[in-house]
């Protein structure tokens, strides 16, 4: 898979997750032992697994749009993948530290978000720093285009191009 295809897939996925985070029916209330957040608008567990709130959803939406914008150009896709690897790697580490696992009370980063962010960072690092071989597709010219046109062969009364009429032409 190319880096630009990775950017497209991540863009579509995170855009869908961002839109799904705006649907209250997709959110379950957080458990009692969840770290508290001060920003509680649309705060809950997305699909019962991933803690999100409106700011977390906005970040997912922004990364999805960025991935779709980076899809068209290989350099943009590499920059997107490298930036995503660094950002999500830092978020995965922050999710493991008790004081930072709710991003100073604004964005929840704990629970299943830690392994999701670590996996996204690992995939993004792979696609961001691997070397891609650029292969150009070249069509070989059809050898029939280099011969005499069919109309001239028919004028000479030849049924087959392999006959020796080309020597006198």
Protein backbone atom coordinates (compact mmCIF):
# COMPACT_ATOMS: atom_id res chain seq x y z
CA UNK A 1 0.00 0.00 0.00
CA UNK A 2 1.24 3.47 -0.83
CA UNK A 3 1.61 6.24 1.72
CA UNK A 4 -1.05 8.28 -0.03
CA UNK A 5 -3.48 5.36 0.22
CA UNK A 6 -2.70 5.13 3.95
CA UNK A 7 -3.47 8.85 4.31
CA UNK A 8 -6.77 8.33 2.50
CA UNK A 9 -7.79 5.35 4.67
CA UNK A 10 -6.81 7.12 7.91
CA UNK A 11 -8.58 10.27 6.73
CA UNK A 12 -11.82 8.44 5.99
CA UNK A 13 -11.61 6.42 9.22
CA UNK A 14 -10.96 9.36 11.52
CA UNK A 15 -13.53 11.50 9.75
CA UNK A 16 -16.10 8.74 10.31
CA UNK A 17 -15.05 8.40 13.96
CA UNK A 18 -15.29 12.17 14.37
CA UNK A 19 -18.79 12.20 12.92
CA UNK A 20 -19.77 9.18 15.03
CA UNK A 21 -18.60 11.01 18.14
CA UNK A 22 -21.28 13.64 17.49
CA UNK A 23 -24.06 11.05 17.68
CA UNK A 24 -25.26 10.77 21.29
CA UNK A 25 -26.67 7.27 20.67
CA UNK A 26 -23.13 5.99 19.97
CA UNK A 27 -21.89 7.20 23.38
CA UNK A 28 -22.21 5.27 26.61
CA UNK A 29 -21.88 7.04 29.96
CA UNK A 30 -18.40 6.83 31.48
CA UNK A 31 -17.86 4.45 34.40
CA UNK A 32 -17.52 5.82 37.92
CA UNK A 33 -13.77 5.09 38.07
CA UNK A 34 -12.97 7.07 34.88
CA UNK A 35 -10.63 10.05 35.33
CA UNK A 36 -12.67 13.25 35.63
CA UNK A 37 -12.71 15.83 32.86
CA UNK A 38 -13.74 19.46 33.15
CA UNK A 39 -15.05 19.57 29.57
CA UNK A 40 -18.05 17.24 29.66
CA UNK A 41 -19.96 18.17 26.50
CA UNK A 42 -20.73 14.86 24.69
CA UNK A 43 -18.46 13.04 27.14
CA UNK A 44 -18.83 9.29 27.03
CA UNK A 45 -17.36 6.08 25.71
CA UNK A 46 -17.67 5.79 21.95
CA UNK A 47 -19.13 2.36 21.16
CA UNK A 48 -18.59 1.56 24.83
CA UNK A 49 -14.78 1.39 24.41
CA UNK A 50 -13.10 4.71 23.66
CA UNK A 51 -13.51 7.76 25.90
CA UNK A 52 -14.33 10.88 23.90
CA UNK A 53 -15.79 14.32 24.37
CA UNK A 54 -16.51 17.14 21.93
CA UNK A 55 -12.86 18.29 21.85
CA UNK A 56 -11.62 14.74 21.24
CA UNK A 57 -14.19 14.40 18.46
CA UNK A 58 -13.03 17.69 16.94
CA UNK A 59 -9.43 16.41 16.91
CA UNK A 60 -10.56 13.21 15.17
CA UNK A 61 -12.52 15.25 12.65
CA UNK A 62 -9.55 17.56 11.97
CA UNK A 63 -7.16 14.64 11.47
CA UNK A 64 -9.65 13.02 9.10
CA UNK A 65 -9.89 16.17 7.00
CA UNK A 66 -6.10 16.54 7.04
CA UNK A 67 -5.70 12.94 5.85
CA UNK A 68 -8.10 13.53 2.98
CA UNK A 69 -6.24 16.69 2.00
CA UNK A 70 -2.86 14.91 2.14
CA UNK A 71 -4.06 12.02 0.00
CA UNK A 72 -3.37 13.59 -3.41
CA UNK A 73 0.36 14.25 -3.08
CA UNK A 74 3.07 11.83 -1.93
CA UNK A 75 5.04 14.51 -0.08
CA UNK A 76 1.94 15.71 1.75
CA UNK A 77 1.06 12.12 2.62
CA UNK A 78 4.55 11.54 4.04
CA UNK A 79 4.37 14.74 6.11
CA UNK A 80 0.90 13.73 7.32
CA UNK A 81 2.10 10.24 8.28
CA UNK A 82 5.20 11.47 10.07
CA UNK A 83 3.27 14.15 11.97
CA UNK A 84 0.58 11.64 12.88
CA UNK A 85 3.22 9.21 14.18
CA UNK A 86 4.76 11.86 16.43
CA UNK A 87 1.42 13.26 17.63
CA UNK A 88 -0.23 9.94 18.34
CA UNK A 89 2.93 8.52 19.89
CA UNK A 90 2.94 11.42 22.32
CA UNK A 91 -0.78 10.94 23.01
CA UNK A 92 -0.22 7.23 23.72
CA UNK A 93 2.51 8.05 26.23
CA UNK A 94 0.37 10.78 27.79
CA UNK A 95 -2.46 8.28 28.20
CA UNK A 96 -0.22 6.11 30.37
CA UNK A 97 0.72 8.92 32.78
CA UNK A 98 -1.96 9.39 35.47
CA UNK A 99 -1.73 13.18 35.59
CA UNK A 100 -1.84 13.60 31.82
CA UNK A 101 -4.33 10.91 30.84
CA UNK A 102 -7.11 13.47 30.57
CA UNK A 103 -5.03 16.20 28.86
CA UNK A 104 -5.32 18.64 31.78
CA UNK A 105 -9.06 17.98 32.08
CA UNK A 106 -9.92 18.72 28.46
CA UNK A 107 -9.50 15.53 26.38
CA UNK A 108 -9.74 11.98 27.78
CA UNK A 109 -6.78 9.84 26.67
CA UNK A 110 -7.09 6.81 28.95
CA UNK A 111 -8.45 3.27 28.60
CA UNK A 112 -8.54 1.80 25.09
CA UNK A 113 -7.41 5.10 23.56
CA UNK A 114 -3.84 4.28 24.63
CA UNK A 115 -3.46 1.19 22.44
CA UNK A 116 -5.47 2.77 19.62
CA UNK A 117 -3.16 5.80 19.60
CA UNK A 118 -0.06 3.58 19.86
CA UNK A 119 -1.24 1.43 16.94
CA UNK A 120 -2.02 4.47 14.83
CA UNK A 121 1.41 5.92 15.64
CA UNK A 122 3.16 2.67 14.69
CA UNK A 123 1.32 2.40 11.35
CA UNK A 124 1.89 6.07 10.60
CA UNK A 125 5.60 5.73 11.40
CA UNK A 126 5.87 2.76 9.05
CA UNK A 127 4.22 4.58 6.17
CA UNK A 128 5.87 7.92 6.95
CA UNK A 129 9.48 6.78 7.02
CA UNK A 130 9.60 3.86 4.63
CA UNK A 131 11.05 4.33 1.19
CA UNK A 132 8.75 3.95 -1.75
CA UNK A 133 9.93 2.91 -5.16
CA UNK A 134 8.43 5.11 -7.82
CA UNK A 135 7.53 3.03 -10.81
CA UNK A 136 6.44 4.65 -14.01
CA UNK A 137 4.16 2.76 -16.26
CA UNK A 138 5.30 2.98 -19.80
CA UNK A 139 3.36 1.52 -22.63
CA UNK A 140 5.42 -0.05 -25.30
CA UNK A 141 4.48 1.24 -28.69
CA UNK A 142 2.67 -1.30 -30.73
CA UNK A 143 4.94 -2.65 -33.42
CA UNK A 144 2.08 -2.55 -35.89
CA UNK A 145 2.20 1.25 -35.74
CA UNK A 146 5.72 1.26 -37.24
CA UNK A 147 4.74 -0.66 -40.36
CA UNK A 148 2.98 0.57 -43.44
CA UNK A 149 -0.68 1.42 -43.02
CA UNK A 150 -3.13 -1.28 -43.95
CA UNK A 151 -4.62 0.81 -46.74
CA UNK A 152 -1.32 0.87 -48.64
CA UNK A 153 -0.87 -2.86 -48.25
CA UNK A 154 -4.30 -3.44 -49.70
CA UNK A 155 -3.51 -1.13 -52.63
CA UNK A 156 -0.53 -3.30 -53.43
CA UNK A 157 -2.72 -6.38 -53.34
CA UNK A 158 -0.94 -8.02 -50.43
CA UNK A 159 -2.87 -10.15 -47.97
CA UNK A 160 0.00 -10.60 -45.53
CA UNK A 161 2.45 -8.04 -44.11
CA UNK A 162 5.26 -10.55 -44.19
CA UNK A 163 5.45 -10.48 -47.98
CA UNK A 164 8.38 -8.72 -49.57
CA UNK A 165 6.56 -5.61 -50.82
CA UNK A 166 8.25 -3.46 -48.20
CA UNK A 167 11.61 -3.70 -49.90
CA UNK A 168 10.39 -1.62 -52.85
CA UNK A 169 8.37 0.94 -50.90
